[in-house]
Protein backbone atom coordinates (compact mmCIF):
# COMPACT_ATOMS: atom_id res chain seq x y z
CA MET A 1 0.04 -0.06 0.00
CA ALA A 2 1.27 3.58 -1.01
CA ASN A 3 1.77 6.41 1.45
CA TYR A 4 -1.05 9.07 1.37
CA ASN A 5 0.51 12.48 1.16
CA SER A 6 -1.49 15.74 1.99
CA PHE A 7 -0.92 19.49 2.05
CA LEU A 8 -2.77 22.25 3.41
CA VAL A 9 -2.39 26.11 3.29
CA THR A 10 -4.79 29.07 3.83
CA GLN A 11 -5.69 31.02 0.79
CA LYS A 12 -5.64 34.35 2.67
CA THR A 13 -4.45 35.45 5.99
CA PHE A 14 -6.93 35.58 8.91
CA ARG A 15 -7.18 36.98 12.40
CA VAL A 16 -7.39 35.14 15.48
CA THR A 17 -8.24 36.61 18.86
CA ASP A 18 -5.13 35.40 20.63
CA VAL A 19 -2.28 33.99 18.44
CA ALA A 20 -0.33 32.70 21.40
CA ALA A 21 -3.60 30.45 22.47
CA PHE A 22 -4.37 29.43 19.01
CA ARG A 23 -0.50 28.48 18.68
CA LYS A 24 -0.79 26.52 22.03
CA ALA A 25 -3.93 24.71 21.04
CA ILE A 26 -2.29 23.52 17.69
CA GLU A 27 1.06 22.59 19.48
CA LEU A 28 -0.92 20.16 21.77
CA LEU A 29 -1.87 18.20 18.79
CA HIS A 30 -0.03 15.49 16.60
CA THR A 31 0.00 17.54 13.42
CA ASN A 32 2.38 18.94 10.94
CA ILE A 33 0.48 22.32 10.72
CA GLU A 34 2.71 25.42 10.96
CA ILE A 35 1.52 28.83 12.07
CA HIS A 36 3.06 31.99 10.66
CA GLU A 37 2.30 35.53 11.63
CA ASP A 38 2.47 38.11 9.02
CA GLY A 39 3.86 40.66 11.46
CA VAL A 40 0.81 42.85 11.71
CA ARG A 41 -0.69 43.40 15.34
CA LEU A 42 -4.24 44.35 15.55
CA GLY A 43 -4.07 45.45 19.25
CA LYS A 44 -6.61 43.28 21.34
CA LEU A 45 -7.80 41.45 18.17
CA GLY A 46 -4.46 39.62 17.99
CA GLY A 47 -2.40 38.98 14.92
CA THR A 48 -2.98 37.99 11.27
CA ILE A 49 -1.68 34.61 10.57
CA TRP A 50 -1.66 31.83 8.04
CA ILE A 51 -1.44 28.06 8.39
CA GLY A 52 0.01 25.48 6.19
CA GLY A 53 2.02 22.05 6.21
CA TYR A 54 3.30 19.27 4.34
CA ASP A 55 1.72 15.85 5.54
CA ALA A 56 -1.04 17.82 7.38
CA ASP A 57 -4.69 17.98 7.03
CA LEU A 58 -7.73 19.22 8.98
CA HIS A 59 -7.77 16.35 11.18
CA ALA A 60 -5.43 15.74 14.07
CA TRP A 61 -5.06 13.79 17.27
CA ASP A 62 -4.65 14.82 20.88
CA GLN A 63 -2.40 13.55 23.49
CA ASP A 64 -5.11 10.97 24.22
CA ASN A 65 -5.41 9.84 20.74
CA ASN A 66 -8.78 11.49 20.17
CA GLU A 67 -9.43 13.00 16.72
CA VAL A 68 -9.65 16.77 16.58
CA ASP A 69 -11.48 18.83 13.81
CA ILE A 70 -8.93 21.65 13.11
CA ALA A 71 -11.75 23.40 11.28
CA GLU A 72 -13.56 23.59 14.70
CA LEU A 73 -10.52 24.65 16.43
CA ILE A 74 -9.94 27.43 13.92
CA GLN A 75 -13.62 28.47 14.46
CA GLU A 76 -13.07 28.73 18.24
CA HIS A 77 -10.20 31.00 17.81
CA ILE A 78 -11.05 33.23 14.79
CA ASP A 79 -11.99 36.83 15.22
CA PRO A 80 -15.70 37.15 14.83
CA ARG A 81 -15.18 40.00 11.97
CA ASP A 82 -12.90 37.60 9.86
CA TYR A 83 -13.03 34.20 7.93
CA ALA A 84 -10.40 31.62 7.05
CA VAL A 85 -10.04 29.89 3.67
CA ILE A 86 -8.29 26.48 3.89
CA GLN A 87 -7.33 24.51 0.94
CA SER A 88 -6.19 20.79 1.51
CA VAL A 89 -5.01 18.42 -1.15
CA GLY A 90 -3.66 14.83 -1.01
CA TYR A 91 -2.95 11.75 -3.17
CA GLU A 92 -1.90 8.26 -2.92
CA LYS A 93 0.62 7.52 -5.80
CA LEU A 94 -1.83 9.43 -8.14
CA ARG A 95 -4.14 6.47 -7.89
CA TYR A 96 -6.33 8.60 -5.54
CA VAL A 97 -6.34 12.45 -5.62
CA ASP A 98 -8.42 14.32 -2.99
CA GLY A 99 -9.03 17.92 -2.29
CA VAL A 100 -11.34 20.20 -0.12
CA VAL A 101 -11.93 23.82 0.54
CA TYR A 102 -13.01 24.92 3.94
CA VAL A 103 -14.44 28.47 4.59
CA ILE A 104 -14.71 29.25 8.28
CA SER A 105 -16.14 32.08 10.24
CA LYS A 106 -17.09 32.41 13.83
CA GLU A 107 -20.65 31.30 12.90
CA LYS A 108 -20.18 28.65 10.41
CA ILE A 109 -18.00 26.09 8.57
CA PHE A 110 -18.54 25.61 4.85
CA PHE A 111 -16.57 22.89 2.70
CA GLU A 112 -16.75 21.31 -0.65
CA ASN A 113 -14.55 18.57 -1.83
CA LEU A 114 -13.43 17.75 -5.32
CA ASP A 115 -15.95 14.86 -5.64
CA THR A 116 -18.90 17.13 -4.82
CA VAL A 117 -17.57 19.79 -7.34
CA THR A 118 -16.91 17.19 -9.98
CA GLU A 119 -20.33 15.78 -9.70
CA ARG A 120 -22.07 19.18 -9.86
CA LEU A 121 -20.10 19.95 -13.01
CA VAL A 122 -20.72 16.72 -14.83
CA GLU A 123 -24.41 17.23 -14.14
CA GLN A 124 -24.29 20.60 -15.85
CA VAL A 125 -22.41 19.15 -18.88
CA LYS A 126 -24.98 16.29 -19.14
CA ARG A 127 -27.80 18.86 -19.22
CA ASP A 128 -26.18 20.84 -21.88
CA LEU A 129 -25.73 17.66 -24.01
CA ILE A 130 -29.39 16.82 -23.95
């Protein structure tokens, strides 16, 4: 069996209410997600960050081996006036390619994967052919 390789990155920077608290929450998990600050400080709102990682996705495990949804973790820490856009892709020896986009705000988490987008586009083409 081949290894599954995954990557994730934010499409835009986003603000969290407390960079140190967000960083600590991520560091307590078994994940390869890296947090990068863009150097802009916004007073009490915290800093603007972006995240990314090789061999990382939006699921990680805590010290007790419980699965943690990173999208929900971001939602807990995100500034209520901002949103995050996370793109994640992965593959297994190019026999299986997967991708997903998450848009995360304080109120909601939206996501679509490549399979969903593919199905929608195929249906549009089929309607045009009839």
